[in-house]
């Protein structure tokens, strides 16, 4: 997950609007030395209207088919960031709804890509 934090910071420093959604209790803004990346509760994306502000969504960690389908239903491209060694149904399952999957190593891609 640290790779996502570093990537988020670099995207924000290049002028992209980056928000990390998780199951945090309240919305917080990361310290200025983290490039201004914001963290919010997952419900703000799915139910709170935040989805309209983004061109795409990258899902990291635990996702379900319902989460991915909900993002696609909002008309947004959705990418899966595969940080686990292998698919772990139902929480990290391959999905035909993904526009693509980011693998963090060649080994991981070779092992998991056939399931897509």
C-alpha atoms as a PDB file:
ATOM      1  CA  UNK A   1       0.000   0.000   0.000  1.00  0.00           C
ATOM      2  CA  UNK A   2       2.926   2.365   0.442  1.00  0.00           C
ATOM      3  CA  UNK A   3       3.381   2.392  -3.354  1.00  0.00           C
ATOM      4  CA  UNK A   4      -0.107   3.877  -3.687  1.00  0.00           C
ATOM      5  CA  UNK A   5       0.781   6.605  -1.193  1.00  0.00           C
ATOM      6  CA  UNK A   6       3.932   7.532  -3.109  1.00  0.00           C
ATOM      7  CA  UNK A   7       2.118   7.456  -6.458  1.00  0.00           C
ATOM      8  CA  UNK A   8      -0.719   9.591  -5.057  1.00  0.00           C
ATOM      9  CA  UNK A   9       1.709  12.192  -3.793  1.00  0.00           C
ATOM     10  CA  UNK A  10       3.513  12.392  -7.132  1.00  0.00           C
ATOM     11  CA  UNK A  11       0.240  12.704  -9.067  1.00  0.00           C
ATOM     12  CA  UNK A  12      -0.913  15.499  -6.735  1.00  0.00           C
ATOM     13  CA  UNK A  13       2.413  17.319  -7.098  1.00  0.00           C
ATOM     14  CA  UNK A  14       1.863  17.245 -10.864  1.00  0.00           C
ATOM     15  CA  UNK A  15      -1.487  18.982 -10.500  1.00  0.00           C
ATOM     16  CA  UNK A  16      -3.865  16.017 -10.419  1.00  0.00           C
ATOM     17  CA  UNK A  17      -6.696  15.965  -7.898  1.00  0.00           C
ATOM     18  CA  UNK A  18      -6.041  12.842  -5.800  1.00  0.00           C
ATOM     19  CA  UNK A  19      -8.247  11.495  -3.028  1.00  0.00           C
ATOM     20  CA  UNK A  20      -7.743   8.199  -1.237  1.00  0.00           C
ATOM     21  CA  UNK A  21     -11.009   6.613  -0.094  1.00  0.00           C
ATOM     22  CA  UNK A  22     -10.993   4.103   2.722  1.00  0.00           C
ATOM     23  CA  UNK A  23     -12.935   3.187   5.803  1.00  0.00           C
ATOM     24  CA  UNK A  24     -11.547   6.108   7.839  1.00  0.00           C
ATOM     25  CA  UNK A  25     -13.880   7.560  10.440  1.00  0.00           C
ATOM     26  CA  UNK A  26     -13.726  11.112   9.114  1.00  0.00           C
ATOM     27  CA  UNK A  27     -12.345  13.091   6.195  1.00  0.00           C
ATOM     28  CA  UNK A  28      -8.836  14.370   6.730  1.00  0.00           C
ATOM     29  CA  UNK A  29      -6.299  16.233   4.636  1.00  0.00           C
ATOM     30  CA  UNK A  30      -2.839  14.733   4.532  1.00  0.00           C
ATOM     31  CA  UNK A  31       0.013  16.898   5.803  1.00  0.00           C
ATOM     32  CA  UNK A  32       1.444  19.372   3.301  1.00  0.00           C
ATOM     33  CA  UNK A  33       4.606  17.280   2.992  1.00  0.00           C
ATOM     34  CA  UNK A  34       2.468  14.519   1.446  1.00  0.00           C
ATOM     35  CA  UNK A  35       1.594  16.672  -1.527  1.00  0.00           C
ATOM     36  CA  UNK A  36      -1.916  17.631  -0.446  1.00  0.00           C
ATOM     37  CA  UNK A  37      -3.483  14.194  -0.938  1.00  0.00           C
ATOM     38  CA  UNK A  38      -6.895  13.997   0.737  1.00  0.00           C
ATOM     39  CA  UNK A  39      -8.357  10.955   2.529  1.00  0.00           C
ATOM     40  CA  UNK A  40     -12.109  10.376   2.840  1.00  0.00           C
ATOM     41  CA  UNK A  41     -14.562   7.707   3.884  1.00  0.00           C
ATOM     42  CA  UNK A  42     -15.556   5.336   1.052  1.00  0.00           C
ATOM     43  CA  UNK A  43     -19.224   6.373   1.301  1.00  0.00           C
ATOM     44  CA  UNK A  44     -18.369   9.885   0.024  1.00  0.00           C
ATOM     45  CA  UNK A  45     -17.365   8.382  -3.314  1.00  0.00           C
ATOM     46  CA  UNK A  46     -20.186   5.912  -3.701  1.00  0.00           C
ATOM     47  CA  UNK A  47     -23.043   7.855  -2.099  1.00  0.00           C
ATOM     48  CA  UNK A  48     -21.869  11.393  -1.449  1.00  0.00           C
ATOM     49  CA  UNK A  49     -21.524  12.725  -4.970  1.00  0.00           C
ATOM     50  CA  UNK A  50     -17.721  12.811  -5.101  1.00  0.00           C
ATOM     51  CA  UNK A  51     -17.680  10.532  -8.152  1.00  0.00           C
ATOM     52  CA  UNK A  52     -18.601  13.457 -10.421  1.00  0.00           C
ATOM     53  CA  UNK A  53     -15.243  15.117  -9.684  1.00  0.00           C
ATOM     54  CA  UNK A  54     -13.057  12.340 -11.096  1.00  0.00           C
ATOM     55  CA  UNK A  55     -12.086  11.211 -14.565  1.00  0.00           C
ATOM     56  CA  UNK A  56     -11.175   7.698 -13.389  1.00  0.00           C
ATOM     57  CA  UNK A  57     -11.012   5.577 -10.255  1.00  0.00           C
ATOM     58  CA  UNK A  58      -8.183   3.268  -9.182  1.00  0.00           C
ATOM     59  CA  UNK A  59      -9.318   0.670  -6.660  1.00  0.00           C
ATOM     60  CA  UNK A  60      -6.706  -0.727  -4.278  1.00  0.00           C
ATOM     61  CA  UNK A  61      -6.980  -3.421  -1.641  1.00  0.00           C
ATOM     62  CA  UNK A  62     -10.308  -4.971  -0.879  1.00  0.00           C
ATOM     63  CA  UNK A  63     -12.990  -4.610  -3.526  1.00  0.00           C
ATOM     64  CA  UNK A  64     -16.077  -6.537  -4.512  1.00  0.00           C
ATOM     65  CA  UNK A  65     -17.915  -6.950  -7.798  1.00  0.00           C
ATOM     66  CA  UNK A  66     -20.619  -4.590  -6.466  1.00  0.00           C
ATOM     67  CA  UNK A  67     -18.087  -1.810  -5.811  1.00  0.00           C
ATOM     68  CA  UNK A  68     -16.566  -2.127  -9.267  1.00  0.00           C
ATOM     69  CA  UNK A  69     -19.968  -2.311 -10.979  1.00  0.00           C
ATOM     70  CA  UNK A  70     -21.106   0.789  -9.041  1.00  0.00           C
ATOM     71  CA  UNK A  71     -18.147   2.808 -10.287  1.00  0.00           C
ATOM     72  CA  UNK A  72     -18.721   1.648 -13.873  1.00  0.00           C
ATOM     73  CA  UNK A  73     -22.439   2.468 -13.580  1.00  0.00           C
ATOM     74  CA  UNK A  74     -21.408   6.062 -12.808  1.00  0.00           C
ATOM     75  CA  UNK A  75     -19.679   6.105 -16.194  1.00  0.00           C
ATOM     76  CA  UNK A  76     -16.130   6.169 -14.855  1.00  0.00           C
ATOM     77  CA  UNK A  77     -13.223   4.004 -15.994  1.00  0.00           C
ATOM     78  CA  UNK A  78     -12.034   1.828 -13.140  1.00  0.00           C
ATOM     79  CA  UNK A  79      -8.593   0.305 -12.695  1.00  0.00           C
ATOM     80  CA  UNK A  80      -7.661  -2.361 -10.183  1.00  0.00           C
ATOM     81  CA  UNK A  81      -4.334  -1.978  -8.372  1.00  0.00           C
ATOM     82  CA  UNK A  82      -3.341  -5.549  -7.552  1.00  0.00           C
ATOM     83  CA  UNK A  83      -1.164  -5.498  -4.454  1.00  0.00           C
ATOM     84  CA  UNK A  84      -1.835  -9.006  -3.215  1.00  0.00           C
ATOM     85  CA  UNK A  85       0.107 -12.058  -4.386  1.00  0.00           C
ATOM     86  CA  UNK A  86      -2.987 -13.691  -5.909  1.00  0.00           C
ATOM     87  CA  UNK A  87      -6.709 -13.077  -6.418  1.00  0.00           C
ATOM     88  CA  UNK A  88      -8.670 -13.639  -3.201  1.00  0.00           C
ATOM     89  CA  UNK A  89     -12.352 -14.053  -3.953  1.00  0.00           C
ATOM     90  CA  UNK A  90     -14.623 -12.370  -2.980  1.00  0.00           C
ATOM     91  CA  UNK A  91     -12.522  -9.438  -1.704  1.00  0.00           C
ATOM     92  CA  UNK A  92      -9.923  -9.155  -4.432  1.00  0.00           C
ATOM     93  CA  UNK A  93     -11.520 -10.833  -7.395  1.00  0.00           C
ATOM     94  CA  UNK A  94     -10.773 -10.413 -11.104  1.00  0.00           C
ATOM     95  CA  UNK A  95     -13.483  -8.381 -12.786  1.00  0.00           C
ATOM     96  CA  UNK A  96     -14.626  -7.945 -16.353  1.00  0.00           C
ATOM     97  CA  UNK A  97     -15.655  -4.413 -15.317  1.00  0.00           C
ATOM     98  CA  UNK A  98     -12.020  -3.257 -14.980  1.00  0.00           C
ATOM     99  CA  UNK A  99     -10.621  -1.098 -17.731  1.00  0.00           C
ATOM    100  CA  UNK A 100      -7.257  -2.489 -16.692  1.00  0.00           C
ATOM    101  CA  UNK A 101      -5.258  -3.901 -13.806  1.00  0.00           C
ATOM    102  CA  UNK A 102      -1.994  -2.541 -12.440  1.00  0.00           C
ATOM    103  CA  UNK A 103       0.300  -5.329 -11.263  1.00  0.00           C
ATOM    104  CA  UNK A 104       3.243  -4.382  -9.063  1.00  0.00           C
ATOM    105  CA  UNK A 105       5.635  -7.036 -10.393  1.00  0.00           C
ATOM    106  CA  UNK A 106       6.159  -9.170 -13.493  1.00  0.00           C
ATOM    107  CA  UNK A 107       5.763 -12.319 -11.392  1.00  0.00           C
ATOM    108  CA  UNK A 108       2.405 -11.147 -10.109  1.00  0.00           C
ATOM    109  CA  UNK A 109       1.222 -10.305 -13.629  1.00  0.00           C
ATOM    110  CA  UNK A 110       2.231 -13.733 -14.955  1.00  0.00           C
ATOM    111  CA  UNK A 111       0.439 -15.530 -12.113  1.00  0.00           C
ATOM    112  CA  UNK A 112      -2.775 -13.459 -12.108  1.00  0.00           C
ATOM    113  CA  UNK A 113      -3.379 -12.162 -15.634  1.00  0.00           C
ATOM    114  CA  UNK A 114      -4.776 -15.483 -16.956  1.00  0.00           C
ATOM    115  CA  UNK A 115      -7.749 -15.080 -14.582  1.00  0.00           C
ATOM    116  CA  UNK A 116      -8.769 -11.887 -16.351  1.00  0.00           C
END
